[in-house]
C-alpha atoms as a PDB file:
ATOM      1  CA  UNK A   1     172.719  84.207  85.328  1.00  0.00           C
ATOM      2  CA  UNK A   2     173.858  87.152  83.199  1.00  0.00           C
ATOM      3  CA  UNK A   3     173.393  90.674  84.389  1.00  0.00           C
ATOM      4  CA  UNK A   4     171.480  93.153  82.248  1.00  0.00           C
ATOM      5  CA  UNK A   5     172.278  96.838  82.440  1.00  0.00           C
ATOM      6  CA  UNK A   6     169.288  98.955  83.415  1.00  0.00           C
ATOM      7  CA  UNK A   7     168.994 102.646  82.604  1.00  0.00           C
ATOM      8  CA  UNK A   8     167.578 104.902  85.296  1.00  0.00           C
ATOM      9  CA  UNK A   9     165.799 108.093  84.222  1.00  0.00           C
ATOM     10  CA  UNK A  10     164.951 111.118  86.328  1.00  0.00           C
ATOM     11  CA  UNK A  11     161.280 111.030  85.368  1.00  0.00           C
ATOM     12  CA  UNK A  12     158.863 109.705  82.798  1.00  0.00           C
ATOM     13  CA  UNK A  13     159.227 112.927  80.802  1.00  0.00           C
ATOM     14  CA  UNK A  14     162.994 112.480  80.751  1.00  0.00           C
ATOM     15  CA  UNK A  15     162.611 108.933  79.420  1.00  0.00           C
ATOM     16  CA  UNK A  16     160.036 110.047  76.848  1.00  0.00           C
ATOM     17  CA  UNK A  17     162.388 112.802  75.668  1.00  0.00           C
ATOM     18  CA  UNK A  18     165.262 110.374  75.154  1.00  0.00           C
ATOM     19  CA  UNK A  19     163.101 107.921  73.228  1.00  0.00           C
ATOM     20  CA  UNK A  20     161.623 110.711  71.096  1.00  0.00           C
ATOM     21  CA  UNK A  21     165.049 112.068  70.166  1.00  0.00           C
ATOM     22  CA  UNK A  22     166.265 108.601  69.226  1.00  0.00           C
ATOM     23  CA  UNK A  23     163.263 108.005  66.966  1.00  0.00           C
ATOM     24  CA  UNK A  24     163.436 111.458  65.339  1.00  0.00           C
ATOM     25  CA  UNK A  25     167.129 110.980  64.503  1.00  0.00           C
ATOM     26  CA  UNK A  26     166.449 107.614  62.886  1.00  0.00           C
ATOM     27  CA  UNK A  27     163.454 108.989  61.006  1.00  0.00           C
ATOM     28  CA  UNK A  28     165.676 111.708  59.510  1.00  0.00           C
ATOM     29  CA  UNK A  29     168.271 109.133  58.462  1.00  0.00           C
ATOM     30  CA  UNK A  30     165.639 106.892  56.871  1.00  0.00           C
ATOM     31  CA  UNK A  31     164.050 109.843  55.048  1.00  0.00           C
ATOM     32  CA  UNK A  32     167.395 110.904  53.595  1.00  0.00           C
ATOM     33  CA  UNK A  33     168.125 107.318  52.548  1.00  0.00           C
ATOM     34  CA  UNK A  34     164.766 107.247  50.772  1.00  0.00           C
ATOM     35  CA  UNK A  35     165.618 110.451  48.879  1.00  0.00           C
ATOM     36  CA  UNK A  36     168.974 109.019  47.774  1.00  0.00           C
ATOM     37  CA  UNK A  37     167.284 105.827  46.555  1.00  0.00           C
ATOM     38  CA  UNK A  38     164.634 107.860  44.715  1.00  0.00           C
ATOM     39  CA  UNK A  39     167.308 109.929  42.947  1.00  0.00           C
ATOM     40  CA  UNK A  40     169.118 106.709  42.036  1.00  0.00           C
ATOM     41  CA  UNK A  41     166.024 105.335  40.311  1.00  0.00           C
ATOM     42  CA  UNK A  42     165.555 108.629  38.459  1.00  0.00           C
ATOM     43  CA  UNK A  43     169.146 108.768  37.241  1.00  0.00           C
ATOM     44  CA  UNK A  44     169.232 105.142  36.117  1.00  0.00           C
ATOM     45  CA  UNK A  45     165.623 105.219  34.896  1.00  0.00           C
ATOM     46  CA  UNK A  46     164.953 101.882  36.536  1.00  0.00           C
ATOM     47  CA  UNK A  47     162.423 101.412  39.320  1.00  0.00           C
ATOM     48  CA  UNK A  48     163.993  98.144  40.368  1.00  0.00           C
ATOM     49  CA  UNK A  49     166.420 100.139  42.488  1.00  0.00           C
ATOM     50  CA  UNK A  50     163.551 100.802  44.863  1.00  0.00           C
ATOM     51  CA  UNK A  51     164.396  97.302  46.044  1.00  0.00           C
ATOM     52  CA  UNK A  52     167.148  98.876  48.127  1.00  0.00           C
ATOM     53  CA  UNK A  53     164.336 100.070  50.389  1.00  0.00           C
ATOM     54  CA  UNK A  54     163.589  96.403  51.068  1.00  0.00           C
ATOM     55  CA  UNK A  55     166.980  96.355  52.807  1.00  0.00           C
ATOM     56  CA  UNK A  56     166.870  99.816  54.372  1.00  0.00           C
ATOM     57  CA  UNK A  57     163.486  99.695  56.078  1.00  0.00           C
ATOM     58  CA  UNK A  58     163.927  96.312  57.861  1.00  0.00           C
ATOM     59  CA  UNK A  59     167.424  97.335  59.007  1.00  0.00           C
ATOM     60  CA  UNK A  60     166.128 100.539  60.568  1.00  0.00           C
ATOM     61  CA  UNK A  61     163.175  98.746  62.150  1.00  0.00           C
ATOM     62  CA  UNK A  62     165.398  96.080  63.731  1.00  0.00           C
ATOM     63  CA  UNK A  63     167.986  98.614  64.924  1.00  0.00           C
ATOM     64  CA  UNK A  64     165.375 100.959  66.377  1.00  0.00           C
ATOM     65  CA  UNK A  65     163.566  98.098  68.108  1.00  0.00           C
ATOM     66  CA  UNK A  66     166.816  96.849  69.650  1.00  0.00           C
ATOM     67  CA  UNK A  67     167.742 100.313  70.936  1.00  0.00           C
ATOM     68  CA  UNK A  68     164.291 100.913  72.393  1.00  0.00           C
ATOM     69  CA  UNK A  69     164.075  97.483  74.040  1.00  0.00           C
ATOM     70  CA  UNK A  70     167.586  97.028  75.363  1.00  0.00           C
ATOM     71  CA  UNK A  71     168.705 100.644  75.806  1.00  0.00           C
ATOM     72  CA  UNK A  72     165.467 102.638  76.239  1.00  0.00           C
ATOM     73  CA  UNK A  73     166.597 104.925  73.430  1.00  0.00           C
ATOM     74  CA  UNK A  74     170.155 105.453  74.693  1.00  0.00           C
ATOM     75  CA  UNK A  75     173.059 104.917  72.325  1.00  0.00           C
ATOM     76  CA  UNK A  76     175.574 102.107  72.636  1.00  0.00           C
ATOM     77  CA  UNK A  77     178.935 102.769  74.194  1.00  0.00           C
ATOM     78  CA  UNK A  78     181.462 101.941  71.470  1.00  0.00           C
ATOM     79  CA  UNK A  79     179.562 101.908  68.177  1.00  0.00           C
ATOM     80  CA  UNK A  80     176.492 103.392  66.528  1.00  0.00           C
ATOM     81  CA  UNK A  81     174.354 100.752  64.766  1.00  0.00           C
ATOM     82  CA  UNK A  82     172.001 103.431  63.418  1.00  0.00           C
ATOM     83  CA  UNK A  83     174.756 104.683  61.119  1.00  0.00           C
ATOM     84  CA  UNK A  84     175.514 101.104  60.065  1.00  0.00           C
ATOM     85  CA  UNK A  85     171.918 100.706  58.865  1.00  0.00           C
ATOM     86  CA  UNK A  86     172.068 104.157  57.273  1.00  0.00           C
ATOM     87  CA  UNK A  87     175.231 103.453  55.284  1.00  0.00           C
ATOM     88  CA  UNK A  88     173.935 100.040  54.217  1.00  0.00           C
ATOM     89  CA  UNK A  89     170.967 101.887  52.714  1.00  0.00           C
ATOM     90  CA  UNK A  90     172.651 104.794  50.917  1.00  0.00           C
ATOM     91  CA  UNK A  91     176.112 103.538  49.907  1.00  0.00           C
ATOM     92  CA  UNK A  92     174.755 101.298  47.081  1.00  0.00           C
ATOM     93  CA  UNK A  93     172.843 104.286  45.729  1.00  0.00           C
ATOM     94  CA  UNK A  94     175.945 106.472  45.770  1.00  0.00           C
ATOM     95  CA  UNK A  95     177.931 103.770  43.974  1.00  0.00           C
ATOM     96  CA  UNK A  96     175.329 103.402  41.216  1.00  0.00           C
ATOM     97  CA  UNK A  97     175.051 107.165  40.764  1.00  0.00           C
ATOM     98  CA  UNK A  98     178.804 107.748  40.627  1.00  0.00           C
ATOM     99  CA  UNK A  99     179.424 104.907  38.191  1.00  0.00           C
ATOM    100  CA  UNK A 100     176.532 106.001  35.999  1.00  0.00           C
ATOM    101  CA  UNK A 101     177.631 109.649  35.949  1.00  0.00           C
ATOM    102  CA  UNK A 102     181.164 108.618  34.937  1.00  0.00           C
ATOM    103  CA  UNK A 103     179.973 106.150  32.300  1.00  0.00           C
ATOM    104  CA  UNK A 104     181.197 102.988  34.034  1.00  0.00           C
ATOM    105  CA  UNK A 105     177.901 101.300  34.903  1.00  0.00           C
ATOM    106  CA  UNK A 106     176.148  98.710  32.738  1.00  0.00           C
ATOM    107  CA  UNK A 107     174.999  99.882  29.338  1.00  0.00           C
ATOM    108  CA  UNK A 108     174.747 103.503  30.489  1.00  0.00           C
ATOM    109  CA  UNK A 109     170.993 103.754  30.238  1.00  0.00           C
ATOM    110  CA  UNK A 110     169.430 107.069  29.346  1.00  0.00           C
ATOM    111  CA  UNK A 111     169.749 109.368  32.306  1.00  0.00           C
ATOM    112  CA  UNK A 112     167.761 112.469  33.128  1.00  0.00           C
ATOM    113  CA  UNK A 113     170.931 114.408  33.868  1.00  0.00           C
ATOM    114  CA  UNK A 114     174.454 114.933  32.624  1.00  0.00           C
ATOM    115  CA  UNK A 115     177.017 112.172  32.972  1.00  0.00           C
ATOM    116  CA  UNK A 116     180.665 112.757  33.588  1.00  0.00           C
ATOM    117  CA  UNK A 117     182.626 115.542  35.212  1.00  0.00           C
ATOM    118  CA  UNK A 118     181.784 119.200  34.857  1.00  0.00           C
ATOM    119  CA  UNK A 119     182.928 120.977  31.733  1.00  0.00           C
ATOM    120  CA  UNK A 120     184.476 124.418  31.584  1.00  0.00           C
ATOM    121  CA  UNK A 121     181.084 125.868  30.722  1.00  0.00           C
ATOM    122  CA  UNK A 122     179.585 124.229  33.792  1.00  0.00           C
ATOM    123  CA  UNK A 123     182.319 125.659  36.000  1.00  0.00           C
ATOM    124  CA  UNK A 124     181.588 129.175  34.603  1.00  0.00           C
ATOM    125  CA  UNK A 125     177.861 128.764  35.122  1.00  0.00           C
ATOM    126  CA  UNK A 126     176.919 128.570  31.419  1.00  0.00           C
ATOM    127  CA  UNK A 127     173.486 127.052  30.912  1.00  0.00           C
ATOM    128  CA  UNK A 128     172.883 124.031  28.702  1.00  0.00           C
ATOM    129  CA  UNK A 129     169.429 125.121  27.578  1.00  0.00           C
ATOM    130  CA  UNK A 130     170.688 126.148  24.157  1.00  0.00           C
ATOM    131  CA  UNK A 131     172.010 122.710  23.300  1.00  0.00           C
ATOM    132  CA  UNK A 132     170.196 120.044  21.374  1.00  0.00           C
ATOM    133  CA  UNK A 133     170.142 117.613  24.267  1.00  0.00           C
ATOM    134  CA  UNK A 134     168.759 120.029  26.811  1.00  0.00           C
ATOM    135  CA  UNK A 135     166.117 117.528  27.865  1.00  0.00           C
ATOM    136  CA  UNK A 136     168.718 115.151  29.255  1.00  0.00           C
ATOM    137  CA  UNK A 137     171.433 117.526  30.498  1.00  0.00           C
ATOM    138  CA  UNK A 138     169.812 118.783  33.664  1.00  0.00           C
ATOM    139  CA  UNK A 139     167.743 117.547  36.539  1.00  0.00           C
ATOM    140  CA  UNK A 140     164.562 119.493  37.026  1.00  0.00           C
ATOM    141  CA  UNK A 141     164.590 120.586  40.641  1.00  0.00           C
ATOM    142  CA  UNK A 142     161.160 122.139  40.564  1.00  0.00           C
ATOM    143  CA  UNK A 143     160.138 119.415  43.010  1.00  0.00           C
ATOM    144  CA  UNK A 144     162.318 121.095  45.647  1.00  0.00           C
ATOM    145  CA  UNK A 145     162.076 124.779  44.663  1.00  0.00           C
ATOM    146  CA  UNK A 146     159.324 127.166  43.633  1.00  0.00           C
ATOM    147  CA  UNK A 147     160.868 127.900  40.241  1.00  0.00           C
ATOM    148  CA  UNK A 148     160.290 125.019  37.793  1.00  0.00           C
ATOM    149  CA  UNK A 149     163.277 125.935  35.579  1.00  0.00           C
ATOM    150  CA  UNK A 150     165.989 125.295  38.167  1.00  0.00           C
ATOM    151  CA  UNK A 151     168.268 122.455  37.123  1.00  0.00           C
ATOM    152  CA  UNK A 152     171.550 120.841  38.063  1.00  0.00           C
ATOM    153  CA  UNK A 153     173.975 118.352  36.600  1.00  0.00           C
ATOM    154  CA  UNK A 154     174.388 114.839  37.957  1.00  0.00           C
ATOM    155  CA  UNK A 155     177.670 115.796  39.616  1.00  0.00           C
ATOM    156  CA  UNK A 156     175.959 118.690  41.394  1.00  0.00           C
ATOM    157  CA  UNK A 157     173.133 116.472  42.625  1.00  0.00           C
ATOM    158  CA  UNK A 158     175.510 113.780  43.900  1.00  0.00           C
ATOM    159  CA  UNK A 159     177.574 116.446  45.666  1.00  0.00           C
ATOM    160  CA  UNK A 160     174.433 117.851  47.304  1.00  0.00           C
ATOM    161  CA  UNK A 161     173.423 114.370  48.425  1.00  0.00           C
ATOM    162  CA  UNK A 162     176.841 113.721  49.918  1.00  0.00           C
ATOM    163  CA  UNK A 163     177.131 117.070  51.677  1.00  0.00           C
ATOM    164  CA  UNK A 164     173.639 116.746  53.130  1.00  0.00           C
ATOM    165  CA  UNK A 165     174.560 113.224  54.285  1.00  0.00           C
ATOM    166  CA  UNK A 166     177.612 114.486  56.187  1.00  0.00           C
ATOM    167  CA  UNK A 167     175.701 117.362  57.772  1.00  0.00           C
ATOM    168  CA  UNK A 168     172.890 114.995  58.738  1.00  0.00           C
ATOM    169  CA  UNK A 169     175.367 112.619  60.401  1.00  0.00           C
ATOM    170  CA  UNK A 170     176.622 115.387  62.698  1.00  0.00           C
ATOM    171  CA  UNK A 171     173.127 116.693  63.477  1.00  0.00           C
ATOM    172  CA  UNK A 172     171.683 113.235  64.170  1.00  0.00           C
ATOM    173  CA  UNK A 173     174.629 112.210  66.359  1.00  0.00           C
ATOM    174  CA  UNK A 174     174.107 115.383  68.370  1.00  0.00           C
ATOM    175  CA  UNK A 175     170.383 114.663  68.547  1.00  0.00           C
ATOM    176  CA  UNK A 176     170.752 111.050  69.675  1.00  0.00           C
ATOM    177  CA  UNK A 177     170.791 110.424  73.451  1.00  0.00           C
ATOM    178  CA  UNK A 178     174.357 110.263  74.738  1.00  0.00           C
ATOM    179  CA  UNK A 179     174.107 107.126  76.874  1.00  0.00           C
ATOM    180  CA  UNK A 180     177.504 106.418  78.467  1.00  0.00           C
ATOM    181  CA  UNK A 181     179.086 109.305  76.562  1.00  0.00           C
ATOM    182  CA  UNK A 182     179.477 112.426  78.687  1.00  0.00           C
ATOM    183  CA  UNK A 183     179.221 115.961  77.292  1.00  0.00           C
ATOM    184  CA  UNK A 184     182.980 116.313  77.056  1.00  0.00           C
ATOM    185  CA  UNK A 185     183.244 113.128  75.028  1.00  0.00           C
ATOM    186  CA  UNK A 186     180.305 114.126  72.805  1.00  0.00           C
ATOM    187  CA  UNK A 187     181.861 117.498  72.004  1.00  0.00           C
ATOM    188  CA  UNK A 188     185.137 115.785  71.092  1.00  0.00           C
ATOM    189  CA  UNK A 189     183.277 113.274  68.933  1.00  0.00           C
ATOM    190  CA  UNK A 190     181.361 115.967  67.036  1.00  0.00           C
ATOM    191  CA  UNK A 191     184.527 117.975  66.401  1.00  0.00           C
ATOM    192  CA  UNK A 192     186.229 114.833  65.126  1.00  0.00           C
ATOM    193  CA  UNK A 193     183.241 114.153  62.838  1.00  0.00           C
ATOM    194  CA  UNK A 194     183.512 117.699  61.493  1.00  0.00           C
ATOM    195  CA  UNK A 195     187.155 117.188  60.544  1.00  0.00           C
ATOM    196  CA  UNK A 196     186.374 113.848  58.899  1.00  0.00           C
ATOM    197  CA  UNK A 197     183.587 115.468  56.867  1.00  0.00           C
ATOM    198  CA  UNK A 198     185.948 118.147  55.553  1.00  0.00           C
ATOM    199  CA  UNK A 199     188.439 115.499  54.409  1.00  0.00           C
ATOM    200  CA  UNK A 200     185.746 113.377  52.753  1.00  0.00           C
ATOM    201  CA  UNK A 201     184.286 116.352  50.863  1.00  0.00           C
ATOM    202  CA  UNK A 202     187.714 117.245  49.490  1.00  0.00           C
ATOM    203  CA  UNK A 203     188.336 113.595  48.614  1.00  0.00           C
ATOM    204  CA  UNK A 204     185.048 113.418  46.691  1.00  0.00           C
ATOM    205  CA  UNK A 205     186.185 116.165  44.333  1.00  0.00           C
ATOM    206  CA  UNK A 206     188.443 113.628  42.618  1.00  0.00           C
ATOM    207  CA  UNK A 207     185.298 112.056  41.143  1.00  0.00           C
ATOM    208  CA  UNK A 208     184.460 115.339  39.441  1.00  0.00           C
ATOM    209  CA  UNK A 209     187.953 115.907  38.101  1.00  0.00           C
ATOM    210  CA  UNK A 210     188.024 114.751  34.485  1.00  0.00           C
ATOM    211  CA  UNK A 211     191.566 113.389  34.734  1.00  0.00           C
ATOM    212  CA  UNK A 212     191.697 109.784  35.844  1.00  0.00           C
ATOM    213  CA  UNK A 213     187.973 109.089  36.030  1.00  0.00           C
ATOM    214  CA  UNK A 214     188.097 107.321  32.667  1.00  0.00           C
ATOM    215  CA  UNK A 215     189.975 104.465  34.357  1.00  0.00           C
ATOM    216  CA  UNK A 216     187.426 102.032  35.769  1.00  0.00           C
ATOM    217  CA  UNK A 217     189.860 100.459  38.247  1.00  0.00           C
ATOM    218  CA  UNK A 218     190.814 103.859  39.608  1.00  0.00           C
ATOM    219  CA  UNK A 219     187.155 104.837  40.052  1.00  0.00           C
ATOM    220  CA  UNK A 220     186.397 101.612  41.925  1.00  0.00           C
ATOM    221  CA  UNK A 221     189.431 102.241  44.145  1.00  0.00           C
ATOM    222  CA  UNK A 222     188.164 105.728  44.977  1.00  0.00           C
ATOM    223  CA  UNK A 223     184.720 104.358  45.815  1.00  0.00           C
ATOM    224  CA  UNK A 224     186.148 101.627  48.061  1.00  0.00           C
ATOM    225  CA  UNK A 225     188.317 104.088  49.990  1.00  0.00           C
ATOM    226  CA  UNK A 226     185.414 106.537  50.263  1.00  0.00           C
ATOM    227  CA  UNK A 227     183.146 103.801  51.662  1.00  0.00           C
ATOM    228  CA  UNK A 228     185.822 102.569  54.065  1.00  0.00           C
ATOM    229  CA  UNK A 229     186.341 106.082  55.443  1.00  0.00           C
ATOM    230  CA  UNK A 230     182.617 106.438  56.108  1.00  0.00           C
ATOM    231  CA  UNK A 231     182.839 103.550  58.569  1.00  0.00           C
ATOM    232  CA  UNK A 232     184.568 105.906  61.021  1.00  0.00           C
ATOM    233  CA  UNK A 233     181.183 107.390  61.852  1.00  0.00           C
ATOM    234  CA  UNK A 234     179.974 104.029  63.180  1.00  0.00           C
ATOM    235  CA  UNK A 235     182.639 103.967  65.928  1.00  0.00           C
ATOM    236  CA  UNK A 236     182.747 105.914  69.186  1.00  0.00           C
ATOM    237  CA  UNK A 237     186.347 106.070  70.367  1.00  0.00           C
ATOM    238  CA  UNK A 238     186.838 109.546  71.806  1.00  0.00           C
ATOM    239  CA  UNK A 239     184.946 109.225  75.069  1.00  0.00           C
ATOM    240  CA  UNK A 240     187.247 110.590  77.741  1.00  0.00           C
ATOM    241  CA  UNK A 241     185.719 108.544  80.521  1.00  0.00           C
ATOM    242  CA  UNK A 242     187.000 105.539  82.387  1.00  0.00           C
ATOM    243  CA  UNK A 243     190.611 104.486  82.062  1.00  0.00           C
ATOM    244  CA  UNK A 244     190.890 100.990  80.701  1.00  0.00           C
ATOM    245  CA  UNK A 245     194.621 100.431  80.445  1.00  0.00           C
ATOM    246  CA  UNK A 246     197.525 100.541  82.883  1.00  0.00           C
ATOM    247  CA  UNK A 247     201.174 100.909  82.109  1.00  0.00           C
ATOM    248  CA  UNK A 248     203.866  98.929  83.805  1.00  0.00           C
ATOM    249  CA  UNK A 249     205.094 101.928  85.738  1.00  0.00           C
ATOM    250  CA  UNK A 250     201.683 102.564  87.221  1.00  0.00           C
ATOM    251  CA  UNK A 251     200.673 105.422  84.933  1.00  0.00           C
ATOM    252  CA  UNK A 252     197.241 104.915  83.420  1.00  0.00           C
ATOM    253  CA  UNK A 253     196.163 105.489  79.849  1.00  0.00           C
ATOM    254  CA  UNK A 254     192.837 105.375  78.034  1.00  0.00           C
ATOM    255  CA  UNK A 255     192.584 102.721  75.346  1.00  0.00           C
ATOM    256  CA  UNK A 256     190.308 105.031  73.363  1.00  0.00           C
ATOM    257  CA  UNK A 257     193.404 107.127  72.575  1.00  0.00           C
ATOM    258  CA  UNK A 258     195.001 104.124  70.902  1.00  0.00           C
ATOM    259  CA  UNK A 259     191.790 103.280  69.025  1.00  0.00           C
ATOM    260  CA  UNK A 260     191.481 106.849  67.729  1.00  0.00           C
ATOM    261  CA  UNK A 261     195.080 106.762  66.503  1.00  0.00           C
ATOM    262  CA  UNK A 262     194.457 103.455  64.737  1.00  0.00           C
ATOM    263  CA  UNK A 263     191.466 105.042  63.008  1.00  0.00           C
ATOM    264  CA  UNK A 264     193.661 107.899  61.798  1.00  0.00           C
ATOM    265  CA  UNK A 265     196.277 105.466  60.489  1.00  0.00           C
ATOM    266  CA  UNK A 266     194.012 102.922  58.798  1.00  0.00           C
ATOM    267  CA  UNK A 267     190.655 104.607  58.162  1.00  0.00           C
ATOM    268  CA  UNK A 268     191.368 108.247  57.368  1.00  0.00           C
ATOM    269  CA  UNK A 269     194.764 109.794  56.686  1.00  0.00           C
ATOM    270  CA  UNK A 270     196.425 106.486  55.819  1.00  0.00           C
ATOM    271  CA  UNK A 271     194.062 105.585  52.931  1.00  0.00           C
ATOM    272  CA  UNK A 272     193.907 109.223  51.797  1.00  0.00           C
ATOM    273  CA  UNK A 273     197.706 109.349  51.715  1.00  0.00           C
ATOM    274  CA  UNK A 274     197.860 106.231  49.529  1.00  0.00           C
ATOM    275  CA  UNK A 275     195.224 107.535  47.108  1.00  0.00           C
ATOM    276  CA  UNK A 276     196.836 110.960  46.802  1.00  0.00           C
ATOM    277  CA  UNK A 277     200.197 109.302  46.181  1.00  0.00           C
ATOM    278  CA  UNK A 278     198.630 107.347  43.310  1.00  0.00           C
ATOM    279  CA  UNK A 279     196.980 110.518  42.014  1.00  0.00           C
ATOM    280  CA  UNK A 280     200.265 112.439  42.015  1.00  0.00           C
ATOM    281  CA  UNK A 281     202.562 109.700  40.697  1.00  0.00           C
ATOM    282  CA  UNK A 282     200.371 107.542  38.449  1.00  0.00           C
ATOM    283  CA  UNK A 283     197.610 109.919  37.340  1.00  0.00           C
ATOM    284  CA  UNK A 284     199.912 112.966  36.998  1.00  0.00           C
ATOM    285  CA  UNK A 285     197.477 115.201  38.876  1.00  0.00           C
ATOM    286  CA  UNK A 286     199.073 117.891  41.026  1.00  0.00           C
ATOM    287  CA  UNK A 287     197.914 121.308  42.142  1.00  0.00           C
ATOM    288  CA  UNK A 288     198.286 123.406  45.262  1.00  0.00           C
ATOM    289  CA  UNK A 289     195.178 121.932  46.905  1.00  0.00           C
ATOM    290  CA  UNK A 290     196.249 118.333  46.362  1.00  0.00           C
ATOM    291  CA  UNK A 291     199.751 119.191  47.560  1.00  0.00           C
ATOM    292  CA  UNK A 292     198.386 120.865  50.700  1.00  0.00           C
ATOM    293  CA  UNK A 293     196.237 117.887  51.696  1.00  0.00           C
ATOM    294  CA  UNK A 294     199.057 115.515  50.780  1.00  0.00           C
ATOM    295  CA  UNK A 295     201.422 117.309  53.175  1.00  0.00           C
ATOM    296  CA  UNK A 296     198.655 117.368  55.763  1.00  0.00           C
ATOM    297  CA  UNK A 297     198.275 113.583  55.511  1.00  0.00           C
ATOM    298  CA  UNK A 298     202.039 113.096  55.906  1.00  0.00           C
ATOM    299  CA  UNK A 299     202.248 115.314  58.997  1.00  0.00           C
ATOM    300  CA  UNK A 300     199.168 113.711  60.551  1.00  0.00           C
ATOM    301  CA  UNK A 301     200.567 110.211  60.040  1.00  0.00           C
ATOM    302  CA  UNK A 302     203.933 111.195  61.541  1.00  0.00           C
ATOM    303  CA  UNK A 303     202.289 112.771  64.590  1.00  0.00           C
ATOM    304  CA  UNK A 304     199.927 109.808  65.018  1.00  0.00           C
ATOM    305  CA  UNK A 305     202.810 107.322  64.906  1.00  0.00           C
ATOM    306  CA  UNK A 306     204.798 109.421  67.371  1.00  0.00           C
ATOM    307  CA  UNK A 307     201.804 109.631  69.709  1.00  0.00           C
ATOM    308  CA  UNK A 308     201.286 105.869  69.419  1.00  0.00           C
ATOM    309  CA  UNK A 309     204.926 105.224  70.334  1.00  0.00           C
ATOM    310  CA  UNK A 310     204.570 107.469  73.373  1.00  0.00           C
ATOM    311  CA  UNK A 311     201.451 105.646  74.557  1.00  0.00           C
ATOM    312  CA  UNK A 312     203.117 102.262  74.055  1.00  0.00           C
ATOM    313  CA  UNK A 313     206.153 103.353  76.135  1.00  0.00           C
ATOM    314  CA  UNK A 314     208.462 103.082  73.130  1.00  0.00           C
ATOM    315  CA  UNK A 315     209.378 106.740  73.636  1.00  0.00           C
ATOM    316  CA  UNK A 316     209.810 108.365  77.019  1.00  0.00           C
ATOM    317  CA  UNK A 317     207.097 110.895  77.768  1.00  0.00           C
ATOM    318  CA  UNK A 318     208.593 112.260  81.008  1.00  0.00           C
ATOM    319  CA  UNK A 319     210.516 115.482  81.359  1.00  0.00           C
ATOM    320  CA  UNK A 320     210.678 118.543  79.131  1.00  0.00           C
ATOM    321  CA  UNK A 321     213.144 120.520  77.066  1.00  0.00           C
ATOM    322  CA  UNK A 322     214.563 122.385  80.070  1.00  0.00           C
ATOM    323  CA  UNK A 323     217.947 121.117  81.309  1.00  0.00           C
ATOM    324  CA  UNK A 324     218.102 121.632  85.049  1.00  0.00           C
ATOM    325  CA  UNK A 325     221.516 121.345  86.643  1.00  0.00           C
ATOM    326  CA  UNK A 326     221.613 120.671  90.354  1.00  0.00           C
ATOM    327  CA  UNK A 327     224.431 122.517  92.135  1.00  0.00           C
ATOM    328  CA  UNK A 328     225.514 121.345  95.564  1.00  0.00           C
ATOM    329  CA  UNK A 329     226.213 124.429  97.675  1.00  0.00           C
ATOM    330  CA  UNK A 330     228.230 123.794 100.839  1.00  0.00           C
ATOM    331  CA  UNK A 331     228.116 126.291 103.693  1.00  0.00           C
ATOM    332  CA  UNK A 332     231.386 127.129 105.448  1.00  0.00           C
ATOM    333  CA  UNK A 333     231.516 127.694 109.211  1.00  0.00           C
ATOM    334  CA  UNK A 334     231.104 131.316 110.312  1.00  0.00           C
ATOM    335  CA  UNK A 335     234.252 133.404 110.457  1.00  0.00           C
ATOM    336  CA  UNK A 336     235.439 134.667 113.865  1.00  0.00           C
ATOM    337  CA  UNK A 337     237.389 137.804 114.635  1.00  0.00           C
ATOM    338  CA  UNK A 338     241.200 137.583 115.009  1.00  0.00           C
ATOM    339  CA  UNK A 339     240.932 138.543 118.647  1.00  0.00           C
ATOM    340  CA  UNK A 340     239.287 135.221 119.338  1.00  0.00           C
ATOM    341  CA  UNK A 341     236.588 136.778 121.476  1.00  0.00           C
ATOM    342  CA  UNK A 342     233.982 134.728 119.805  1.00  0.00           C
ATOM    343  CA  UNK A 343     232.432 137.536 117.835  1.00  0.00           C
ATOM    344  CA  UNK A 344     230.519 136.354 114.845  1.00  0.00           C
ATOM    345  CA  UNK A 345     231.668 137.510 111.469  1.00  0.00           C
ATOM    346  CA  UNK A 346     229.939 137.432 108.146  1.00  0.00           C
ATOM    347  CA  UNK A 347     228.836 134.121 106.847  1.00  0.00           C
ATOM    348  CA  UNK A 348     230.017 133.454 103.303  1.00  0.00           C
ATOM    349  CA  UNK A 349     227.922 131.103 101.255  1.00  0.00           C
END
């Protein structure tokens, strides 16, 4: 018969607290997914996109039920299925919004906001109210704010959705019960998430840059890489807990180190390096910011490969840069006086 892991809580209040935190975190994720889907239907002016909720709600219900039944609210050890359900709910909405704002989706139905990247007037904060198409150039955000005349372009709204998504991921992961993850591992995981969020936000600015977004293939490539990089949040690979690997010389290593390096190579800096290479060489886009992140990707990949070689014993990790020379010092017998009376002289070393 198979053995089932059983969680032991200190008290009923402790168990209730864990379950409550797990449900609150998932409720926040589902609420944000609902907002993204609502904004998608508004931008595309098609209520059929509410059908995405038919996928989102059952996914969250099944995932929450499984966590409550099998784990009593505690998170799984190596992956986070709540984020899988979350991304399955919001990623289609982000795709539709990005493609619609750039003019690459369907027949480009009438939108209630601007399409395309920001113009120079938008960058300088110039209002569009004096234009003839002022009814379709801005989103009325009076639903969120007290002033009814506050508006924003489609690019601004998509950026706000994405930034709130990344912040919510960090907050909800902190709110979720740790399970097998100790506090040291959780702090490392949250710091890693913070670095990933910074890279993804910078990467998303390429959608708003007017150069290159007219190419449909290039836009789809950006969206695929962006979606692939989001999958990092579904994995838990930085828990500094039990050692699971042993080297041939008896020194132990943690396999999570290797998994984290593989994520850097194939899910973060590796794809970003390829995209930025295409942007620089093929799209002829180069500025100091792109160059900085491009050099950062190169250095990160070099260090990750070097670290991987060290862990795989391809490079010796013993010793340091100090060269220590061992000198064999021989002691001579003590000198005696010429008179031979056995007096001890000085000992020369």
